[in-house]
Amino acid sequence: MDLLYITPVIPAVTGNGLAMRAGMILEALAARHSVSLLVNRLYPPAGPVPAFFARMCHGVATDPNSFRGKHFDVVHVFRLASLPCARAFLGGAARHHLDIDDIESETHRRLAALCSSNGDAALALAEEYQAKTSAELEAEVLPKFERIYVTSVIDREKLAARHVRGEICVLPNSVRLPVAVPPRLPAGPFLFVGTLG
């Protein structure tokens, strides 16, 4: 099938989790379909699409006009943030898939509670606002997709409780294992470095 994959981040093999998920999904889709990649750069990193991923694609673009007028059997949208860019392609596609990877309204509610407990009322209010707008967007768009991907069974159950009509699939995050894995990890201590976003 001809598939348009719209992502807000440049796919990557390593680096931040969002870019790695975009890369993992692109690789899986390209193994089965003729994929055109549209990168709507909303998140870092900057730079060109790595050759490793560009070679998998029938076409690569950062300008939505590059694919205007082309028919796709499937439009696969990564994250709610990609919807403004994706809307122009959703009407003509036979199938619409959405990878939300995170129920954003719930994430913002949790962050609001954390900010509030840390005494940051202004940031808590901003996160509550984001939770509200995300919930409204989710209510509007989730019923319009035939398939929705989430990262966990818990998120699938939460969306099912909202009576989302489309098929809800669990697509866990993954990482590439190094070619040579040490036979045994050291005893520790370990340091985890992350944005904790």
C-alpha atoms as a PDB file:
ATOM      1  CA  MET A   1       0.000   0.000   0.000  1.00  0.00           C
ATOM      2  CA  ASP A   2       0.998   3.609  -0.482  1.00  0.00           C
ATOM      3  CA  LEU A   3       1.289   5.075   2.984  1.00  0.00           C
ATOM      4  CA  LEU A   4       1.954   8.631   4.118  1.00  0.00           C
ATOM      5  CA  TYR A   5       3.717   8.813   7.478  1.00  0.00           C
ATOM      6  CA  ILE A   6       3.456  12.245   9.118  1.00  0.00           C
ATOM      7  CA  THR A   7       5.715  12.846  12.099  1.00  0.00           C
ATOM      8  CA  PRO A   8       6.524  15.986  14.142  1.00  0.00           C
ATOM      9  CA  VAL A   9      10.102  14.852  14.715  1.00  0.00           C
ATOM     10  CA  ILE A  10      12.925  13.573  12.522  1.00  0.00           C
ATOM     11  CA  PRO A  11      13.143   9.788  12.946  1.00  0.00           C
ATOM     12  CA  ALA A  12      16.267   8.586  14.724  1.00  0.00           C
ATOM     13  CA  VAL A  13      17.894   5.349  15.822  1.00  0.00           C
ATOM     14  CA  THR A  14      19.217   6.876  19.059  1.00  0.00           C
ATOM     15  CA  GLY A  15      18.632  10.086  20.985  1.00  0.00           C
ATOM     16  CA  ASN A  16      15.366  11.259  22.463  1.00  0.00           C
ATOM     17  CA  GLY A  17      12.516   8.817  22.913  1.00  0.00           C
ATOM     18  CA  LEU A  18      10.087  10.594  20.598  1.00  0.00           C
ATOM     19  CA  ALA A  19      12.542  10.547  17.682  1.00  0.00           C
ATOM     20  CA  MET A  20      13.389   6.910  18.400  1.00  0.00           C
ATOM     21  CA  ARG A  21       9.697   5.954  18.358  1.00  0.00           C
ATOM     22  CA  ALA A  22       9.276   7.786  15.059  1.00  0.00           C
ATOM     23  CA  GLY A  23      12.213   5.811  13.665  1.00  0.00           C
ATOM     24  CA  MET A  24      10.962   2.489  14.993  1.00  0.00           C
ATOM     25  CA  ILE A  25       7.534   3.024  13.454  1.00  0.00           C
ATOM     26  CA  LEU A  26       8.928   4.207  10.131  1.00  0.00           C
ATOM     27  CA  GLU A  27      11.137   1.137   9.910  1.00  0.00           C
ATOM     28  CA  ALA A  28       8.196  -1.186  10.657  1.00  0.00           C
ATOM     29  CA  LEU A  29       5.909   0.547   8.155  1.00  0.00           C
ATOM     30  CA  ALA A  30       8.540   0.618   5.410  1.00  0.00           C
ATOM     31  CA  ALA A  31       9.061  -3.121   5.772  1.00  0.00           C
ATOM     32  CA  ARG A  32       5.480  -3.691   4.572  1.00  0.00           C
ATOM     33  CA  HIS A  33       4.413  -0.630   2.579  1.00  0.00           C
ATOM     34  CA  SER A  34       5.597   2.007   0.133  1.00  0.00           C
ATOM     35  CA  VAL A  35       6.095   4.889   2.569  1.00  0.00           C
ATOM     36  CA  SER A  36       6.264   8.603   1.879  1.00  0.00           C
ATOM     37  CA  LEU A  37       7.652  10.494   4.878  1.00  0.00           C
ATOM     38  CA  LEU A  38       6.446  13.976   5.787  1.00  0.00           C
ATOM     39  CA  VAL A  39       8.396  15.523   8.676  1.00  0.00           C
ATOM     40  CA  ASN A  40       6.502  18.438  10.188  1.00  0.00           C
ATOM     41  CA  ARG A  41       9.334  19.638  12.449  1.00  0.00           C
ATOM     42  CA  LEU A  42       7.808  20.599  15.763  1.00  0.00           C
ATOM     43  CA  TYR A  43      10.332  18.974  18.117  1.00  0.00           C
ATOM     44  CA  PRO A  44      14.132  18.626  18.144  1.00  0.00           C
ATOM     45  CA  PRO A  45      16.485  17.361  16.824  1.00  0.00           C
ATOM     46  CA  ALA A  46      17.111  19.581  13.810  1.00  0.00           C
ATOM     47  CA  GLY A  47      18.846  18.572  10.616  1.00  0.00           C
ATOM     48  CA  PRO A  48      18.114  16.357   7.639  1.00  0.00           C
ATOM     49  CA  VAL A  49      16.400  12.978   7.722  1.00  0.00           C
ATOM     50  CA  PRO A  50      19.184  10.411   8.235  1.00  0.00           C
ATOM     51  CA  ALA A  51      20.071   8.484   5.078  1.00  0.00           C
ATOM     52  CA  PHE A  52      19.261   5.229   6.907  1.00  0.00           C
ATOM     53  CA  PHE A  53      15.596   6.283   7.029  1.00  0.00           C
ATOM     54  CA  ALA A  54      15.470   8.236   3.770  1.00  0.00           C
ATOM     55  CA  ARG A  55      16.475   5.091   1.838  1.00  0.00           C
ATOM     56  CA  MET A  56      13.419   3.287   3.230  1.00  0.00           C
ATOM     57  CA  CYS A  57      11.034   5.861   1.817  1.00  0.00           C
ATOM     58  CA  HIS A  58       9.460   6.377  -1.562  1.00  0.00           C
ATOM     59  CA  GLY A  59       9.664  10.122  -0.898  1.00  0.00           C
ATOM     60  CA  VAL A  60      10.809  12.406   1.924  1.00  0.00           C
ATOM     61  CA  ALA A  61       9.613  15.970   2.494  1.00  0.00           C
ATOM     62  CA  THR A  62       9.326  18.688   5.109  1.00  0.00           C
ATOM     63  CA  ASP A  63       6.848  20.722   3.061  1.00  0.00           C
ATOM     64  CA  PRO A  64       3.271  19.342   2.992  1.00  0.00           C
ATOM     65  CA  ASN A  65       2.829  20.740  -0.540  1.00  0.00           C
ATOM     66  CA  SER A  66       5.317  18.134  -1.753  1.00  0.00           C
ATOM     67  CA  PHE A  67       2.637  15.435  -1.473  1.00  0.00           C
ATOM     68  CA  ARG A  68      -0.489  17.469  -2.282  1.00  0.00           C
ATOM     69  CA  GLY A  69      -2.721  15.799  -4.840  1.00  0.00           C
ATOM     70  CA  LYS A  70      -1.141  12.366  -4.302  1.00  0.00           C
ATOM     71  CA  HIS A  71      -3.487   9.575  -3.222  1.00  0.00           C
ATOM     72  CA  PHE A  72      -2.462   7.425  -0.256  1.00  0.00           C
ATOM     73  CA  ASP A  73      -4.103   4.207   0.869  1.00  0.00           C
ATOM     74  CA  VAL A  74      -3.205   4.998   4.488  1.00  0.00           C
ATOM     75  CA  VAL A  75      -2.275   8.200   6.291  1.00  0.00           C
ATOM     76  CA  HIS A  76      -0.428   7.366   9.504  1.00  0.00           C
ATOM     77  CA  VAL A  77      -0.218  10.363  11.852  1.00  0.00           C
ATOM     78  CA  PHE A  78       2.246  10.419  14.735  1.00  0.00           C
ATOM     79  CA  ARG A  79       0.989  12.492  17.677  1.00  0.00           C
ATOM     80  CA  LEU A  80      -1.860  14.950  17.997  1.00  0.00           C
ATOM     81  CA  ALA A  81       0.557  17.819  17.292  1.00  0.00           C
ATOM     82  CA  SER A  82       0.779  16.588  13.677  1.00  0.00           C
ATOM     83  CA  LEU A  83      -2.941  16.995  13.037  1.00  0.00           C
ATOM     84  CA  PRO A  84      -2.850  20.532  11.592  1.00  0.00           C
ATOM     85  CA  CYS A  85      -0.366  19.306   8.970  1.00  0.00           C
ATOM     86  CA  ALA A  86      -2.233  16.022   8.446  1.00  0.00           C
ATOM     87  CA  ARG A  87      -5.752  17.394   7.964  1.00  0.00           C
ATOM     88  CA  ALA A  88      -5.155  18.154   4.275  1.00  0.00           C
ATOM     89  CA  PHE A  89      -4.409  14.460   3.639  1.00  0.00           C
ATOM     90  CA  LEU A  90      -7.040  12.790   5.786  1.00  0.00           C
ATOM     91  CA  GLY A  91      -9.985  13.390   3.481  1.00  0.00           C
ATOM     92  CA  GLY A  92      -8.723  11.391   0.516  1.00  0.00           C
ATOM     93  CA  ALA A  93      -7.101   8.477   2.331  1.00  0.00           C
ATOM     94  CA  ALA A  94      -8.853   5.136   2.504  1.00  0.00           C
ATOM     95  CA  ARG A  95      -7.590   4.572   6.058  1.00  0.00           C
ATOM     96  CA  HIS A  96      -6.530   6.883   8.848  1.00  0.00           C
ATOM     97  CA  HIS A  97      -4.197   5.730  11.619  1.00  0.00           C
ATOM     98  CA  LEU A  98      -3.061   7.730  14.640  1.00  0.00           C
ATOM     99  CA  ASP A  99      -0.175   6.956  16.971  1.00  0.00           C
ATOM    100  CA  ILE A 100      -0.767   9.024  20.088  1.00  0.00           C
ATOM    101  CA  ASP A 101       1.964   7.189  22.037  1.00  0.00           C
ATOM    102  CA  ASP A 102       0.637   8.985  25.112  1.00  0.00           C
ATOM    103  CA  ILE A 103      -2.813  10.148  26.214  1.00  0.00           C
ATOM    104  CA  GLU A 104      -1.768  13.780  26.348  1.00  0.00           C
ATOM    105  CA  SER A 105      -4.718  15.042  28.411  1.00  0.00           C
ATOM    106  CA  GLU A 106      -3.782  12.629  31.191  1.00  0.00           C
ATOM    107  CA  THR A 107      -0.092  13.478  30.970  1.00  0.00           C
ATOM    108  CA  HIS A 108      -0.855  17.191  31.367  1.00  0.00           C
ATOM    109  CA  ARG A 109      -3.159  16.467  34.331  1.00  0.00           C
ATOM    110  CA  ARG A 110      -0.376  14.515  36.049  1.00  0.00           C
ATOM    111  CA  LEU A 111       2.101  17.314  35.348  1.00  0.00           C
ATOM    112  CA  ALA A 112      -0.377  19.865  36.719  1.00  0.00           C
ATOM    113  CA  ALA A 113      -0.694  17.860  39.930  1.00  0.00           C
ATOM    114  CA  LEU A 114       3.090  17.609  40.203  1.00  0.00           C
ATOM    115  CA  CYS A 115       3.534  21.358  39.650  1.00  0.00           C
ATOM    116  CA  SER A 116       0.843  22.092  42.200  1.00  0.00           C
ATOM    117  CA  SER A 117       2.448  19.831  44.798  1.00  0.00           C
ATOM    118  CA  ASN A 118       5.755  21.602  44.161  1.00  0.00           C
ATOM    119  CA  GLY A 119       4.121  24.977  44.795  1.00  0.00           C
ATOM    120  CA  ASP A 120       4.289  26.199  41.187  1.00  0.00           C
ATOM    121  CA  ALA A 121       0.710  27.428  40.771  1.00  0.00           C
ATOM    122  CA  ALA A 122       1.344  29.243  37.485  1.00  0.00           C
ATOM    123  CA  LEU A 123       2.825  26.188  35.792  1.00  0.00           C
ATOM    124  CA  ALA A 124       0.091  23.986  37.273  1.00  0.00           C
ATOM    125  CA  LEU A 125      -2.526  26.290  35.754  1.00  0.00           C
ATOM    126  CA  ALA A 126      -0.768  26.162  32.369  1.00  0.00           C
ATOM    127  CA  GLU A 127      -0.687  22.349  32.497  1.00  0.00           C
ATOM    128  CA  GLU A 128      -4.383  22.224  33.457  1.00  0.00           C
ATOM    129  CA  TYR A 129      -5.151  24.375  30.433  1.00  0.00           C
ATOM    130  CA  GLN A 130      -3.123  22.018  28.222  1.00  0.00           C
ATOM    131  CA  ALA A 131      -4.988  19.055  29.745  1.00  0.00           C
ATOM    132  CA  LYS A 132      -8.327  20.670  28.918  1.00  0.00           C
ATOM    133  CA  THR A 133      -7.421  21.552  25.331  1.00  0.00           C
ATOM    134  CA  SER A 134      -5.864  18.105  24.776  1.00  0.00           C
ATOM    135  CA  ALA A 135      -9.014  16.404  26.106  1.00  0.00           C
ATOM    136  CA  GLU A 136     -11.175  18.467  23.759  1.00  0.00           C
ATOM    137  CA  LEU A 137      -8.960  17.611  20.794  1.00  0.00           C
ATOM    138  CA  GLU A 138      -8.927  13.924  21.724  1.00  0.00           C
ATOM    139  CA  ALA A 139     -12.732  13.892  21.945  1.00  0.00           C
ATOM    140  CA  GLU A 140     -12.953  15.519  18.518  1.00  0.00           C
ATOM    141  CA  VAL A 141     -10.417  13.498  16.555  1.00  0.00           C
ATOM    142  CA  LEU A 142     -10.082  10.036  18.106  1.00  0.00           C
ATOM    143  CA  PRO A 143     -13.459   8.851  16.707  1.00  0.00           C
ATOM    144  CA  LYS A 144     -12.306   9.793  13.189  1.00  0.00           C
ATOM    145  CA  PHE A 145      -9.433   7.289  13.046  1.00  0.00           C
ATOM    146  CA  GLU A 146      -9.864   3.641  12.068  1.00  0.00           C
ATOM    147  CA  ARG A 147      -6.821   2.606  14.090  1.00  0.00           C
ATOM    148  CA  ILE A 148      -5.172   4.211  17.104  1.00  0.00           C
ATOM    149  CA  TYR A 149      -1.819   3.139  18.516  1.00  0.00           C
ATOM    150  CA  VAL A 150      -0.862   3.515  22.178  1.00  0.00           C
ATOM    151  CA  THR A 151       2.185   2.297  24.084  1.00  0.00           C
ATOM    152  CA  SER A 152       0.507   0.256  26.825  1.00  0.00           C
ATOM    153  CA  VAL A 153      -2.429  -2.002  27.652  1.00  0.00           C
ATOM    154  CA  ILE A 154      -3.420   0.499  30.352  1.00  0.00           C
ATOM    155  CA  ASP A 155      -3.775   3.274  27.763  1.00  0.00           C
ATOM    156  CA  ARG A 156      -5.724   0.945  25.480  1.00  0.00           C
ATOM    157  CA  GLU A 157      -8.167   0.226  28.316  1.00  0.00           C
ATOM    158  CA  LYS A 158      -8.531   3.939  29.072  1.00  0.00           C
ATOM    159  CA  LEU A 159      -9.369   4.731  25.452  1.00  0.00           C
ATOM    160  CA  ALA A 160     -11.763   1.782  25.243  1.00  0.00           C
ATOM    161  CA  ALA A 161     -13.568   3.194  28.294  1.00  0.00           C
ATOM    162  CA  ARG A 162     -14.057   6.403  26.301  1.00  0.00           C
ATOM    163  CA  HIS A 163     -15.895   4.341  23.671  1.00  0.00           C
ATOM    164  CA  VAL A 164     -13.398   5.092  20.934  1.00  0.00           C
ATOM    165  CA  ARG A 165     -14.812   3.323  17.866  1.00  0.00           C
ATOM    166  CA  GLY A 166     -11.575   2.541  16.040  1.00  0.00           C
ATOM    167  CA  GLU A 167      -9.292  -0.404  16.624  1.00  0.00           C
ATOM    168  CA  ILE A 168      -6.947   0.372  19.526  1.00  0.00           C
ATOM    169  CA  CYS A 169      -3.564  -1.319  19.178  1.00  0.00           C
ATOM    170  CA  VAL A 170      -0.705  -1.523  21.653  1.00  0.00           C
ATOM    171  CA  LEU A 171       2.629  -0.663  20.049  1.00  0.00           C
ATOM    172  CA  PRO A 172       5.212  -0.562  22.848  1.00  0.00           C
ATOM    173  CA  ASN A 173       8.291   1.600  22.697  1.00  0.00           C
ATOM    174  CA  SER A 174      11.423  -0.335  21.886  1.00  0.00           C
ATOM    175  CA  VAL A 175      15.150   0.150  21.707  1.00  0.00           C
ATOM    176  CA  ARG A 176      17.830  -1.422  19.559  1.00  0.00           C
ATOM    177  CA  LEU A 177      20.098  -3.755  21.436  1.00  0.00           C
ATOM    178  CA  PRO A 178      23.810  -3.308  20.832  1.00  0.00           C
ATOM    179  CA  VAL A 179      25.470  -5.921  18.658  1.00  0.00           C
ATOM    180  CA  ALA A 180      27.558  -7.104  21.603  1.00  0.00           C
ATOM    181  CA  VAL A 181      25.722  -7.217  24.910  1.00  0.00           C
ATOM    182  CA  PRO A 182      27.889  -7.574  28.032  1.00  0.00           C
ATOM    183  CA  PRO A 183      27.272 -10.954  29.643  1.00  0.00           C
ATOM    184  CA  ARG A 184      26.317  -9.304  32.911  1.00  0.00           C
ATOM    185  CA  LEU A 185      25.598  -5.758  33.947  1.00  0.00           C
ATOM    186  CA  PRO A 186      27.650  -4.301  36.782  1.00  0.00           C
ATOM    187  CA  ALA A 187      26.039  -4.263  40.195  1.00  0.00           C
ATOM    188  CA  GLY A 188      25.449  -0.497  40.139  1.00  0.00           C
ATOM    189  CA  PRO A 189      24.671   2.109  41.247  1.00  0.00           C
ATOM    190  CA  PHE A 190      23.028   3.317  38.011  1.00  0.00           C
ATOM    191  CA  LEU A 191      22.337   6.846  36.836  1.00  0.00           C
ATOM    192  CA  PHE A 192      19.308   7.462  34.611  1.00  0.00           C
ATOM    193  CA  VAL A 193      19.532  10.651  32.555  1.00  0.00           C
ATOM    194  CA  GLY A 194      16.307  11.916  30.980  1.00  0.00           C
ATOM    195  CA  THR A 195      14.115  14.963  30.564  1.00  0.00           C
ATOM    196  CA  LEU A 196      11.499  13.497  32.924  1.00  0.00           C
ATOM    197  CA  GLY A 197       8.905  15.258  30.747  1.00  0.00           C
END
